Every structure is written in C-alpha cells, then in structure tokens.
Amino acid sequence: MPVLPRSRRVAALLCAVLALAPALPVAAQRQSRPVERTDAALQAKVEAAVAGFRGVVGVYARHLKTGRTVALRADDTFPTASLIKVPLLVALYDAVERGDLDLHQPLTWADSLKYPGEDILGSFRDGETVALSKVAMLMITTSDNTGALWIQQLVGTGTRVNAWLEANGFQVTRVNSRTPGREQERSRWGWGQTTPREMAELVVRIRQGKAVSPAADEEMYRALTRVYWNGEALSALPPWVQAASKQGAVDRSRSEVVLVNAPSGDYVFAVITKEQADTTYEEHNEGFVLLRTLSGIFWNHFEPKHPWSPAAGAARLKP
C-alpha cells in the first residue's frame, strides 16, 4: 500500500477531525450536567436541621460540578412570595429579546400603580418618568412589589409569564395573582407557586445562559448578585464570595434561592417553608433561622477547605 505524502496525510487527518466536529457539542452537552446522586452525609445534616421545625420545609440543593444532591419535599408545591420575581425577570428579558419591550424605554409613573408598603417606586410623584431597566433593578435588588406588579402588567400579565414557564418545562411554577383563570390557586398559594427544585433550576438556567439568551441571562445574573436583602442565607456565606439570590417572605412562609460561585464550583439551593407556626418578622423567626442554618451547612459541606462562620451580632435585613 503506497504511503501518502506528509501534506496529504495532514489533510486527511483534518478532514477526519472536521467530520467528527458536529458530534462534539452533543458529547459536551451530555457532560455539562453530571448525573444527580444523593449526598447521604448532606441529606442527614439537612434532615437533622429541619427536625422539630413547626411547619413544612422543602429543600433542594445541588453541586453543579459533581451532581451531589440533597432533596427534601423538593417537588412539593410551595408559595413563592417574592421568589416569583425571578420568573417575572425572565419573562421581561424574553419580551425584550423578542422586541416587545425596550429596557431603556421611559415609563411614566401613576399613583394608581402604587402597591401598599415601603417600596421605592411608591414614593415617586405622579407623572415622573423612570427607565424600565431601573424598575427591573428595584424589583430584584430591593424586592419592590410595586415594580414587580408593573412589570407583570407590561409583559402581558401572569398569563404570558406562565406560557414561558410551561413552554420551558416548568410544570408547577406559576404566577397566580392578577392572572385570569388562576383565582383558586391564588387563594391557596398567593402571588405565585413553585417547588424548591424548579426554582433552583430556573436560576441554574440563568447562570448557564440557557433561559432566554446568553446575553440576556448575563444581565439577569448580574441583577441577582446585587440583592439588598442579605440578612438570611447570604449572611451565612463569606462576604468575598459572589452569590445570585432572591428572597421571599409572607406570614406563614420564608424562602430563598441562592446560587453560590464557590471555590470548588457552583452550587445552588432553594429552601421554602409553608404553614409556619411562627409568623413574626423578627430575626429569631424560625424560618429566618432555618435559612441561615441551612446556608451555613451547605457552604461548610461543599467547601470543607474554606470553613466559614459569620461574625456574631451582625445586623440583618428582612425581605
């Protein structure tokens, strides 16, 4: 058999590599999400931490690089409270991506938009203008309810948000408030409903650029790393670590979803309670204490080389 000249051998090799190229993204995609496996040690720690809690607790946590997972009622339905603002943010950026809205467009404030509470937007004077991007920032950063309801209205009520969620495989997470046909769900769950697993998965998709588009997801992720309410789960993390998060609280529920950019690799967790006996909004509320406790457990379990204990007596802000 004749030996090919070196130049032709190189050309043949390049052709073979190029022929295999279409298969590479598929293989890479398979490797991008390791098979989930229960972390027995972490599961035991979580179950011990929630024992005796006066209410129902749902927990889902996953180390994205290794697939180590813990789940406790992770697929049960829970109220979202302000966690619903994450789907609202996604729906907003989806509308922007399709050209229906412009983040830089000026909006005119009207007193009729005001929602009872201490929202920043609620302090605006009638007729003032504000950029849509600033309304979105306030919805996430300070959890401005007035801004969130305004955005829900702009993207086409909860129906449009729910259509995106359903189309993208979220079976339980839905907007209920001010959404035609969901009055019964609203009476039970409030503004929105979700599961710990689905809420964590939504933030993971944003982190990985798989929610709306890589560019849109980057901007959403930046917003989620600039949260004002850092007194619970975030307070149990080292201040030098970046984390994307959203918090929620109503009388009988406390919730938080956090994606931590940890040294050993990203991990995500969502903790949601319902039917809490403790309805106070003080620092020692059982739900707030649980959020801080579990966040500390996750950090020290996934980052044994970087043990952390927050300083005692730090002032904490409540969502």
C-alpha atoms as a PDB file:
ATOM      1  CA  MET A   1       0.000   0.000   0.000  1.00  0.00           C
ATOM      2  CA  PRO A   2       1.552   3.319  -1.051  1.00  0.00           C
ATOM      3  CA  VAL A   3       2.460   5.820   1.670  1.00  0.00           C
ATOM      4  CA  LEU A   4       0.775   9.205   1.269  1.00  0.00           C
ATOM      5  CA  PRO A   5       2.944  12.319   1.280  1.00  0.00           C
ATOM      6  CA  ARG A   6       3.046  14.125   4.622  1.00  0.00           C
ATOM      7  CA  SER A   7       0.906  17.057   3.356  1.00  0.00           C
ATOM      8  CA  ARG A   8      -1.815  14.689   2.213  1.00  0.00           C
ATOM      9  CA  ARG A   9      -1.704  12.755   5.493  1.00  0.00           C
ATOM     10  CA  VAL A  10      -2.229  16.012   7.405  1.00  0.00           C
ATOM     11  CA  ALA A  11      -5.102  16.993   5.129  1.00  0.00           C
ATOM     12  CA  ALA A  12      -6.754  13.600   5.634  1.00  0.00           C
ATOM     13  CA  LEU A  13      -6.406  13.919   9.386  1.00  0.00           C
ATOM     14  CA  LEU A  14      -8.011  17.385   9.336  1.00  0.00           C
ATOM     15  CA  CYS A  15     -10.909  16.066   7.289  1.00  0.00           C
ATOM     16  CA  ALA A  16     -11.462  13.289   9.808  1.00  0.00           C
ATOM     17  CA  VAL A  17     -11.479  15.771  12.692  1.00  0.00           C
ATOM     18  CA  LEU A  18     -13.903  18.079  10.897  1.00  0.00           C
ATOM     19  CA  ALA A  19     -16.170  15.142  10.152  1.00  0.00           C
ATOM     20  CA  LEU A  20     -16.417  14.428  13.872  1.00  0.00           C
ATOM     21  CA  ALA A  21     -16.949  18.096  14.831  1.00  0.00           C
ATOM     22  CA  PRO A  22     -20.785  18.079  14.746  1.00  0.00           C
ATOM     23  CA  ALA A  23     -20.767  15.350  17.401  1.00  0.00           C
ATOM     24  CA  LEU A  24     -18.566  17.250  19.830  1.00  0.00           C
ATOM     25  CA  PRO A  25     -21.211  19.697  21.102  1.00  0.00           C
ATOM     26  CA  VAL A  26     -23.556  16.787  21.835  1.00  0.00           C
ATOM     27  CA  ALA A  27     -20.909  14.996  23.889  1.00  0.00           C
ATOM     28  CA  ALA A  28     -20.038  18.226  25.664  1.00  0.00           C
ATOM     29  CA  GLN A  29     -23.708  18.798  26.402  1.00  0.00           C
ATOM     30  CA  ARG A  30     -24.016  15.335  27.973  1.00  0.00           C
ATOM     31  CA  GLN A  31     -21.069  16.112  30.213  1.00  0.00           C
ATOM     32  CA  SER A  32     -22.332  19.580  31.186  1.00  0.00           C
ATOM     33  CA  ARG A  33     -24.730  18.178  33.795  1.00  0.00           C
ATOM     34  CA  PRO A  34     -23.401  15.288  35.871  1.00  0.00           C
ATOM     35  CA  VAL A  35     -25.878  12.630  36.935  1.00  0.00           C
ATOM     36  CA  GLU A  36     -27.510  13.659  40.184  1.00  0.00           C
ATOM     37  CA  ARG A  37     -26.709  11.443  43.147  1.00  0.00           C
ATOM     38  CA  THR A  38     -27.852  11.859  46.706  1.00  0.00           C
ATOM     39  CA  ASP A  39     -25.173  13.115  49.056  1.00  0.00           C
ATOM     40  CA  ALA A  40     -26.047  10.919  52.033  1.00  0.00           C
ATOM     41  CA  ALA A  41     -23.956  12.903  54.522  1.00  0.00           C
ATOM     42  CA  LEU A  42     -25.518  16.207  53.470  1.00  0.00           C
ATOM     43  CA  GLN A  43     -29.002  14.701  53.434  1.00  0.00           C
ATOM     44  CA  ALA A  44     -28.532  13.633  57.051  1.00  0.00           C
ATOM     45  CA  LYS A  45     -27.358  17.117  58.046  1.00  0.00           C
ATOM     46  CA  VAL A  46     -30.362  18.761  56.388  1.00  0.00           C
ATOM     47  CA  GLU A  47     -32.868  16.355  57.934  1.00  0.00           C
ATOM     48  CA  ALA A  48     -31.344  16.955  61.373  1.00  0.00           C
ATOM     49  CA  ALA A  49     -31.532  20.733  60.871  1.00  0.00           C
ATOM     50  CA  VAL A  50     -35.251  20.723  59.959  1.00  0.00           C
ATOM     51  CA  ALA A  51     -36.276  18.261  62.670  1.00  0.00           C
ATOM     52  CA  GLY A  52     -38.713  19.908  65.025  1.00  0.00           C
ATOM     53  CA  PHE A  53     -39.489  22.816  62.689  1.00  0.00           C
ATOM     54  CA  ARG A  54     -43.039  23.986  63.271  1.00  0.00           C
ATOM     55  CA  GLY A  55     -44.189  23.928  59.678  1.00  0.00           C
ATOM     56  CA  VAL A  56     -43.450  22.236  56.354  1.00  0.00           C
ATOM     57  CA  VAL A  57     -39.990  22.578  54.809  1.00  0.00           C
ATOM     58  CA  GLY A  58     -38.894  21.957  51.226  1.00  0.00           C
ATOM     59  CA  VAL A  59     -35.213  21.797  50.325  1.00  0.00           C
ATOM     60  CA  TYR A  60     -33.280  21.191  47.135  1.00  0.00           C
ATOM     61  CA  ALA A  61     -29.518  21.634  46.751  1.00  0.00           C
ATOM     62  CA  ARG A  62     -27.087  20.548  44.050  1.00  0.00           C
ATOM     63  CA  HIS A  63     -23.378  20.918  43.453  1.00  0.00           C
ATOM     64  CA  LEU A  64     -23.323  21.631  39.730  1.00  0.00           C
ATOM     65  CA  LYS A  65     -19.870  20.209  39.025  1.00  0.00           C
ATOM     66  CA  THR A  66     -20.242  16.891  40.842  1.00  0.00           C
ATOM     67  CA  GLY A  67     -24.003  16.325  40.821  1.00  0.00           C
ATOM     68  CA  ARG A  68     -24.117  15.761  44.586  1.00  0.00           C
ATOM     69  CA  THR A  69     -27.704  16.479  45.602  1.00  0.00           C
ATOM     70  CA  VAL A  70     -29.976  16.730  48.597  1.00  0.00           C
ATOM     71  CA  ALA A  71     -33.762  16.823  48.337  1.00  0.00           C
ATOM     72  CA  LEU A  72     -36.487  17.073  50.932  1.00  0.00           C
ATOM     73  CA  ARG A  73     -40.016  17.615  49.593  1.00  0.00           C
ATOM     74  CA  ALA A  74     -38.209  19.146  46.633  1.00  0.00           C
ATOM     75  CA  ASP A  75     -41.135  18.549  44.265  1.00  0.00           C
ATOM     76  CA  ASP A  76     -43.946  19.611  46.599  1.00  0.00           C
ATOM     77  CA  THR A  77     -45.793  22.844  45.850  1.00  0.00           C
ATOM     78  CA  PHE A  78     -44.977  25.887  47.992  1.00  0.00           C
ATOM     79  CA  PRO A  79     -45.908  29.574  47.892  1.00  0.00           C
ATOM     80  CA  THR A  80     -43.338  31.723  46.132  1.00  0.00           C
ATOM     81  CA  ALA A  81     -43.902  35.039  47.893  1.00  0.00           C
ATOM     82  CA  SER A  82     -41.277  37.295  46.257  1.00  0.00           C
ATOM     83  CA  LEU A  83     -39.463  34.387  44.608  1.00  0.00           C
ATOM     84  CA  ILE A  84     -41.999  34.905  41.805  1.00  0.00           C
ATOM     85  CA  LYS A  85     -39.908  37.909  40.767  1.00  0.00           C
ATOM     86  CA  VAL A  86     -37.350  35.564  39.198  1.00  0.00           C
ATOM     87  CA  PRO A  87     -39.866  34.258  36.608  1.00  0.00           C
ATOM     88  CA  LEU A  88     -41.061  37.847  36.120  1.00  0.00           C
ATOM     89  CA  LEU A  89     -37.479  38.903  35.381  1.00  0.00           C
ATOM     90  CA  VAL A  90     -37.104  36.089  32.856  1.00  0.00           C
ATOM     91  CA  ALA A  91     -40.394  36.995  31.161  1.00  0.00           C
ATOM     92  CA  LEU A  92     -39.283  40.622  30.956  1.00  0.00           C
ATOM     93  CA  TYR A  93     -35.994  39.771  29.264  1.00  0.00           C
ATOM     94  CA  ASP A  94     -37.785  37.356  26.956  1.00  0.00           C
ATOM     95  CA  ALA A  95     -40.081  40.205  25.879  1.00  0.00           C
ATOM     96  CA  VAL A  96     -37.054  42.443  25.358  1.00  0.00           C
ATOM     97  CA  GLU A  97     -35.331  39.721  23.332  1.00  0.00           C
ATOM     98  CA  ARG A  98     -38.384  39.474  21.060  1.00  0.00           C
ATOM     99  CA  GLY A  99     -38.514  43.261  20.625  1.00  0.00           C
ATOM    100  CA  ASP A 100     -41.783  43.785  22.506  1.00  0.00           C
ATOM    101  CA  LEU A 101     -40.135  45.952  25.172  1.00  0.00           C
ATOM    102  CA  ASP A 102     -37.003  48.088  25.450  1.00  0.00           C
ATOM    103  CA  LEU A 103     -35.074  48.152  28.714  1.00  0.00           C
ATOM    104  CA  HIS A 104     -34.211  51.795  28.086  1.00  0.00           C
ATOM    105  CA  GLN A 105     -37.747  52.927  27.346  1.00  0.00           C
ATOM    106  CA  PRO A 106     -39.058  55.575  29.758  1.00  0.00           C
ATOM    107  CA  LEU A 107     -42.129  54.687  31.796  1.00  0.00           C
ATOM    108  CA  THR A 108     -44.461  57.246  33.336  1.00  0.00           C
ATOM    109  CA  TRP A 109     -45.365  56.688  36.950  1.00  0.00           C
ATOM    110  CA  ALA A 110     -49.004  56.990  38.009  1.00  0.00           C
ATOM    111  CA  ASP A 111     -50.222  56.920  41.593  1.00  0.00           C
ATOM    112  CA  SER A 112     -52.736  54.257  40.602  1.00  0.00           C
ATOM    113  CA  LEU A 113     -49.820  51.823  40.265  1.00  0.00           C
ATOM    114  CA  LYS A 114     -48.834  52.084  43.915  1.00  0.00           C
ATOM    115  CA  TYR A 115     -48.925  48.895  45.976  1.00  0.00           C
ATOM    116  CA  PRO A 116     -49.227  49.260  49.772  1.00  0.00           C
ATOM    117  CA  GLY A 117     -45.869  49.067  51.519  1.00  0.00           C
ATOM    118  CA  GLU A 118     -42.489  50.781  51.663  1.00  0.00           C
ATOM    119  CA  ASP A 119     -41.499  50.383  48.013  1.00  0.00           C
ATOM    120  CA  ILE A 120     -39.153  52.959  46.493  1.00  0.00           C
ATOM    121  CA  LEU A 121     -41.335  53.346  43.418  1.00  0.00           C
ATOM    122  CA  GLY A 122     -44.280  54.099  45.676  1.00  0.00           C
ATOM    123  CA  SER A 123     -42.536  57.298  46.763  1.00  0.00           C
ATOM    124  CA  PHE A 124     -42.471  58.688  43.210  1.00  0.00           C
ATOM    125  CA  ARG A 125     -44.626  61.672  42.304  1.00  0.00           C
ATOM    126  CA  ASP A 126     -47.429  61.244  39.797  1.00  0.00           C
ATOM    127  CA  GLY A 127     -46.127  61.886  36.259  1.00  0.00           C
ATOM    128  CA  GLU A 128     -42.446  61.163  36.969  1.00  0.00           C
ATOM    129  CA  THR A 129     -40.560  59.042  34.454  1.00  0.00           C
ATOM    130  CA  VAL A 130     -38.283  56.080  35.111  1.00  0.00           C
ATOM    131  CA  ALA A 131     -36.448  53.681  32.793  1.00  0.00           C
ATOM    132  CA  LEU A 132     -37.775  50.135  32.575  1.00  0.00           C
ATOM    133  CA  SER A 133     -34.288  48.846  33.457  1.00  0.00           C
ATOM    134  CA  LYS A 134     -34.445  50.696  36.792  1.00  0.00           C
ATOM    135  CA  VAL A 135     -37.850  49.233  37.567  1.00  0.00           C
ATOM    136  CA  ALA A 136     -36.412  45.758  36.928  1.00  0.00           C
ATOM    137  CA  MET A 137     -33.420  46.546  39.127  1.00  0.00           C
ATOM    138  CA  LEU A 138     -35.669  47.629  42.002  1.00  0.00           C
ATOM    139  CA  MET A 139     -37.855  44.522  41.594  1.00  0.00           C
ATOM    140  CA  ILE A 140     -34.855  42.270  42.202  1.00  0.00           C
ATOM    141  CA  THR A 141     -32.461  44.321  44.318  1.00  0.00           C
ATOM    142  CA  THR A 142     -34.912  45.716  46.868  1.00  0.00           C
ATOM    143  CA  SER A 143     -37.770  43.322  46.042  1.00  0.00           C
ATOM    144  CA  ASP A 144     -40.007  46.260  45.111  1.00  0.00           C
ATOM    145  CA  ASN A 145     -43.549  44.859  44.902  1.00  0.00           C
ATOM    146  CA  THR A 146     -44.899  47.867  43.030  1.00  0.00           C
ATOM    147  CA  GLY A 147     -42.189  47.459  40.400  1.00  0.00           C
ATOM    148  CA  ALA A 148     -42.860  43.741  40.093  1.00  0.00           C
ATOM    149  CA  LEU A 149     -46.583  44.245  39.517  1.00  0.00           C
ATOM    150  CA  TRP A 150     -45.815  46.956  36.980  1.00  0.00           C
ATOM    151  CA  ILE A 151     -43.509  44.585  35.082  1.00  0.00           C
ATOM    152  CA  GLN A 152     -46.067  41.788  35.285  1.00  0.00           C
ATOM    153  CA  GLN A 153     -48.546  44.153  33.633  1.00  0.00           C
ATOM    154  CA  LEU A 154     -46.054  45.224  30.946  1.00  0.00           C
ATOM    155  CA  VAL A 155     -45.110  41.687  29.877  1.00  0.00           C
ATOM    156  CA  GLY A 156     -48.750  40.702  29.421  1.00  0.00           C
ATOM    157  CA  THR A 157     -49.989  39.748  32.903  1.00  0.00           C
ATOM    158  CA  GLY A 158     -49.193  36.434  34.516  1.00  0.00           C
ATOM    159  CA  THR A 159     -50.603  34.550  31.530  1.00  0.00           C
ATOM    160  CA  ARG A 160     -47.559  35.460  29.398  1.00  0.00           C
ATOM    161  CA  VAL A 161     -45.186  34.524  32.208  1.00  0.00           C
ATOM    162  CA  ASN A 162     -46.909  31.199  32.715  1.00  0.00           C
ATOM    163  CA  ALA A 163     -46.783  30.449  28.980  1.00  0.00           C
ATOM    164  CA  TRP A 164     -42.992  30.833  29.049  1.00  0.00           C
ATOM    165  CA  LEU A 165     -42.722  28.616  32.135  1.00  0.00           C
ATOM    166  CA  GLU A 166     -44.847  25.875  30.593  1.00  0.00           C
ATOM    167  CA  ALA A 167     -43.000  26.014  27.276  1.00  0.00           C
ATOM    168  CA  ASN A 168     -39.695  25.630  29.098  1.00  0.00           C
ATOM    169  CA  GLY A 169     -40.669  22.605  31.149  1.00  0.00           C
ATOM    170  CA  PHE A 170     -41.641  24.156  34.480  1.00  0.00           C
ATOM    171  CA  GLN A 171     -44.727  22.206  35.479  1.00  0.00           C
ATOM    172  CA  VAL A 172     -45.589  23.779  38.844  1.00  0.00           C
ATOM    173  CA  THR A 173     -44.103  27.280  38.924  1.00  0.00           C
ATOM    174  CA  ARG A 174     -46.823  29.773  38.021  1.00  0.00           C
ATOM    175  CA  VAL A 175     -47.979  33.344  38.598  1.00  0.00           C
ATOM    176  CA  ASN A 176     -51.390  33.346  40.256  1.00  0.00           C
ATOM    177  CA  SER A 177     -52.122  36.928  41.290  1.00  0.00           C
ATOM    178  CA  ARG A 178     -53.833  39.144  38.698  1.00  0.00           C
ATOM    179  CA  THR A 179     -53.854  36.211  36.280  1.00  0.00           C
ATOM    180  CA  PRO A 180     -57.199  35.214  34.735  1.00  0.00           C
ATOM    181  CA  GLY A 181     -58.260  31.660  35.493  1.00  0.00           C
ATOM    182  CA  ARG A 182     -55.937  31.224  38.482  1.00  0.00           C
ATOM    183  CA  GLU A 183     -58.128  32.678  41.198  1.00  0.00           C
ATOM    184  CA  GLN A 184     -58.418  29.351  43.032  1.00  0.00           C
ATOM    185  CA  GLU A 185     -54.635  28.863  43.042  1.00  0.00           C
ATOM    186  CA  ARG A 186     -54.154  32.416  44.248  1.00  0.00           C
ATOM    187  CA  SER A 187     -56.447  31.832  47.219  1.00  0.00           C
ATOM    188  CA  ARG A 188     -54.276  28.888  48.255  1.00  0.00           C
ATOM    189  CA  TRP A 189     -50.742  29.910  47.306  1.00  0.00           C
ATOM    190  CA  GLY A 190     -50.820  33.666  46.962  1.00  0.00           C
ATOM    191  CA  TRP A 191     -48.919  35.602  44.281  1.00  0.00           C
ATOM    192  CA  GLY A 192     -47.239  32.515  42.904  1.00  0.00           C
ATOM    193  CA  GLN A 193     -46.413  28.860  43.427  1.00  0.00           C
ATOM    194  CA  THR A 194     -43.320  26.741  42.789  1.00  0.00           C
ATOM    195  CA  THR A 195     -41.236  23.822  44.028  1.00  0.00           C
ATOM    196  CA  PRO A 196     -37.736  24.038  45.519  1.00  0.00           C
ATOM    197  CA  ARG A 197     -36.333  22.024  42.593  1.00  0.00           C
ATOM    198  CA  GLU A 198     -37.962  24.172  39.906  1.00  0.00           C
ATOM    199  CA  MET A 199     -36.933  27.465  41.480  1.00  0.00           C
ATOM    200  CA  ALA A 200     -33.337  26.266  41.797  1.00  0.00           C
ATOM    201  CA  GLU A 201     -33.382  25.007  38.200  1.00  0.00           C
ATOM    202  CA  LEU A 202     -34.582  28.381  36.905  1.00  0.00           C
ATOM    203  CA  VAL A 203     -31.637  30.172  38.499  1.00  0.00           C
ATOM    204  CA  VAL A 204     -29.252  27.494  37.181  1.00  0.00           C
ATOM    205  CA  ARG A 205     -30.529  28.049  33.640  1.00  0.00           C
ATOM    206  CA  ILE A 206     -29.904  31.776  34.013  1.00  0.00           C
ATOM    207  CA  ARG A 207     -26.386  31.069  35.289  1.00  0.00           C
ATOM    208  CA  GLN A 208     -25.664  28.751  32.344  1.00  0.00           C
ATOM    209  CA  GLY A 209     -27.120  31.044  29.674  1.00  0.00           C
ATOM    210  CA  LYS A 210     -29.980  28.674  28.872  1.00  0.00           C
ATOM    211  CA  ALA A 211     -33.013  30.710  29.967  1.00  0.00           C
ATOM    212  CA  VAL A 212     -33.510  33.451  27.358  1.00  0.00           C
ATOM    213  CA  SER A 213     -30.162  34.017  25.627  1.00  0.00           C
ATOM    214  CA  PRO A 214     -26.547  34.159  26.805  1.00  0.00           C
ATOM    215  CA  ALA A 215     -26.529  37.980  26.686  1.00  0.00           C
ATOM    216  CA  ALA A 216     -29.888  38.380  28.436  1.00  0.00           C
ATOM    217  CA  ASP A 217     -29.002  35.748  31.030  1.00  0.00           C
ATOM    218  CA  GLU A 218     -25.759  37.553  31.858  1.00  0.00           C
ATOM    219  CA  GLU A 219     -27.682  40.719  32.657  1.00  0.00           C
ATOM    220  CA  MET A 220     -30.239  38.834  34.745  1.00  0.00           C
ATOM    221  CA  TYR A 221     -27.493  37.080  36.661  1.00  0.00           C
ATOM    222  CA  ARG A 222     -25.789  40.397  37.401  1.00  0.00           C
ATOM    223  CA  ALA A 223     -29.070  41.692  38.807  1.00  0.00           C
ATOM    224  CA  LEU A 224     -29.461  38.633  41.033  1.00  0.00           C
ATOM    225  CA  THR A 225     -25.995  39.180  42.524  1.00  0.00           C
ATOM    226  CA  ARG A 226     -26.892  42.715  43.714  1.00  0.00           C
ATOM    227  CA  VAL A 227     -29.561  41.895  46.271  1.00  0.00           C
ATOM    228  CA  TYR A 228     -30.120  44.258  49.191  1.00  0.00           C
ATOM    229  CA  TRP A 229     -31.718  41.659  51.466  1.00  0.00           C
ATOM    230  CA  ASN A 230     -28.627  39.832  52.721  1.00  0.00           C
ATOM    231  CA  GLY A 231     -29.610  39.031  56.299  1.00  0.00           C
ATOM    232  CA  GLU A 232     -30.527  35.353  55.986  1.00  0.00           C
ATOM    233  CA  ALA A 233     -28.933  32.775  53.665  1.00  0.00           C
ATOM    234  CA  LEU A 234     -26.433  35.299  52.308  1.00  0.00           C
ATOM    235  CA  SER A 235     -25.295  36.218  55.819  1.00  0.00           C
ATOM    236  CA  ALA A 236     -24.013  32.655  56.275  1.00  0.00           C
ATOM    237  CA  LEU A 237     -21.682  32.941  53.267  1.00  0.00           C
ATOM    238  CA  PRO A 238     -18.225  34.556  53.223  1.00  0.00           C
ATOM    239  CA  PRO A 239     -18.567  38.181  52.045  1.00  0.00           C
ATOM    240  CA  TRP A 240     -15.867  37.620  49.416  1.00  0.00           C
ATOM    241  CA  VAL A 241     -17.962  35.016  47.575  1.00  0.00           C
ATOM    242  CA  GLN A 242     -20.389  36.042  44.842  1.00  0.00           C
ATOM    243  CA  ALA A 243     -23.907  34.665  45.057  1.00  0.00           C
ATOM    244  CA  ALA A 244     -27.032  35.192  42.959  1.00  0.00           C
ATOM    245  CA  SER A 245     -30.181  35.095  45.029  1.00  0.00           C
ATOM    246  CA  LYS A 246     -33.801  36.025  45.626  1.00  0.00           C
ATOM    247  CA  GLN A 247     -35.722  36.028  48.889  1.00  0.00           C
ATOM    248  CA  GLY A 248     -39.383  35.789  49.846  1.00  0.00           C
ATOM    249  CA  ALA A 249     -41.465  36.168  52.978  1.00  0.00           C
ATOM    250  CA  VAL A 250     -45.148  36.162  53.847  1.00  0.00           C
ATOM    251  CA  ASP A 251     -46.658  35.463  57.253  1.00  0.00           C
ATOM    252  CA  ARG A 252     -46.503  31.665  57.139  1.00  0.00           C
ATOM    253  CA  SER A 253     -43.672  31.163  54.670  1.00  0.00           C
ATOM    254  CA  ARG A 254     -39.984  32.059  54.333  1.00  0.00           C
ATOM    255  CA  SER A 255     -37.986  31.267  51.218  1.00  0.00           C
ATOM    256  CA  GLU A 256     -34.687  31.826  49.485  1.00  0.00           C
ATOM    257  CA  VAL A 257     -32.980  30.564  46.344  1.00  0.00           C
ATOM    258  CA  VAL A 258     -29.218  31.025  46.080  1.00  0.00           C
ATOM    259  CA  LEU A 259     -26.587  30.061  43.521  1.00  0.00           C
ATOM    260  CA  VAL A 260     -23.120  30.320  45.058  1.00  0.00           C
ATOM    261  CA  ASN A 261     -19.988  30.832  42.944  1.00  0.00           C
ATOM    262  CA  ALA A 262     -17.872  28.807  45.370  1.00  0.00           C
ATOM    263  CA  PRO A 263     -14.144  27.981  45.018  1.00  0.00           C
ATOM    264  CA  SER A 264     -14.770  24.282  44.334  1.00  0.00           C
ATOM    265  CA  GLY A 265     -17.532  25.030  41.843  1.00  0.00           C
ATOM    266  CA  ASP A 266     -21.037  26.482  41.749  1.00  0.00           C
ATOM    267  CA  TYR A 267     -23.779  25.055  43.906  1.00  0.00           C
ATOM    268  CA  VAL A 268     -27.430  26.009  44.133  1.00  0.00           C
ATOM    269  CA  PHE A 269     -30.024  25.611  46.847  1.00  0.00           C
ATOM    270  CA  ALA A 270     -33.651  26.552  47.391  1.00  0.00           C
ATOM    271  CA  VAL A 271     -35.319  26.431  50.794  1.00  0.00           C
ATOM    272  CA  ILE A 272     -39.034  27.175  51.114  1.00  0.00           C
ATOM    273  CA  THR A 273     -41.356  26.804  54.081  1.00  0.00           C
ATOM    274  CA  LYS A 274     -45.129  26.817  54.409  1.00  0.00           C
ATOM    275  CA  GLU A 275     -47.682  26.530  57.208  1.00  0.00           C
ATOM    276  CA  GLN A 276     -45.214  28.063  59.654  1.00  0.00           C
ATOM    277  CA  ALA A 277     -46.420  28.455  63.218  1.00  0.00           C
ATOM    278  CA  ASP A 278     -44.035  31.394  63.735  1.00  0.00           C
ATOM    279  CA  THR A 279     -45.430  34.378  61.818  1.00  0.00           C
ATOM    280  CA  THR A 280     -43.194  37.077  63.309  1.00  0.00           C
ATOM    281  CA  TYR A 281     -40.770  39.104  61.209  1.00  0.00           C
ATOM    282  CA  GLU A 282     -38.054  39.306  63.829  1.00  0.00           C
ATOM    283  CA  GLU A 283     -34.522  37.973  63.422  1.00  0.00           C
ATOM    284  CA  HIS A 284     -35.311  34.882  65.501  1.00  0.00           C
ATOM    285  CA  ASN A 285     -38.266  33.798  63.326  1.00  0.00           C
ATOM    286  CA  GLU A 286     -37.933  30.035  62.850  1.00  0.00           C
ATOM    287  CA  GLY A 287     -37.947  30.365  59.074  1.00  0.00           C
ATOM    288  CA  PHE A 288     -35.228  33.010  59.034  1.00  0.00           C
ATOM    289  CA  VAL A 289     -33.116  30.948  61.436  1.00  0.00           C
ATOM    290  CA  LEU A 290     -33.551  27.875  59.236  1.00  0.00           C
ATOM    291  CA  LEU A 291     -32.437  29.768  56.115  1.00  0.00           C
ATOM    292  CA  ARG A 292     -29.250  30.896  57.847  1.00  0.00           C
ATOM    293  CA  THR A 293     -28.614  27.447  59.315  1.00  0.00           C
ATOM    294  CA  LEU A 294     -29.036  25.531  56.067  1.00  0.00           C
ATOM    295  CA  SER A 295     -26.982  28.042  54.087  1.00  0.00           C
ATOM    296  CA  GLY A 296     -24.119  27.571  56.541  1.00  0.00           C
ATOM    297  CA  ILE A 297     -24.464  23.792  56.332  1.00  0.00           C
ATOM    298  CA  PHE A 298     -24.285  23.851  52.524  1.00  0.00           C
ATOM    299  CA  TRP A 299     -21.219  26.096  52.473  1.00  0.00           C
ATOM    300  CA  ASN A 300     -19.219  24.138  55.026  1.00  0.00           C
ATOM    301  CA  HIS A 301     -20.181  20.818  53.431  1.00  0.00           C
ATOM    302  CA  PHE A 302     -19.290  21.782  49.864  1.00  0.00           C
ATOM    303  CA  GLU A 303     -16.281  23.897  50.905  1.00  0.00           C
ATOM    304  CA  PRO A 304     -14.517  21.964  53.711  1.00  0.00           C
ATOM    305  CA  LYS A 305     -11.231  23.664  52.786  1.00  0.00           C
ATOM    306  CA  HIS A 306     -12.780  27.084  53.380  1.00  0.00           C
ATOM    307  CA  PRO A 307     -14.785  26.736  56.628  1.00  0.00           C
ATOM    308  CA  TRP A 308     -16.811  29.801  57.482  1.00  0.00           C
ATOM    309  CA  SER A 309     -18.776  31.089  60.446  1.00  0.00           C
ATOM    310  CA  PRO A 310     -20.289  34.581  60.226  1.00  0.00           C
ATOM    311  CA  ALA A 311     -19.481  37.178  62.848  1.00  0.00           C
ATOM    312  CA  ALA A 312     -21.945  37.212  65.737  1.00  0.00           C
ATOM    313  CA  GLY A 313     -24.227  40.162  66.238  1.00  0.00           C
ATOM    314  CA  ALA A 314     -24.286  41.345  62.633  1.00  0.00           C
ATOM    315  CA  ALA A 315     -27.314  43.450  61.722  1.00  0.00           C
ATOM    316  CA  ARG A 316     -29.703  41.561  59.475  1.00  0.00           C
ATOM    317  CA  LEU A 317     -32.198  42.902  56.987  1.00  0.00           C
ATOM    318  CA  LYS A 318     -35.545  41.254  56.411  1.00  0.00           C
ATOM    319  CA  PRO A 319     -37.204  40.818  52.978  1.00  0.00           C
END
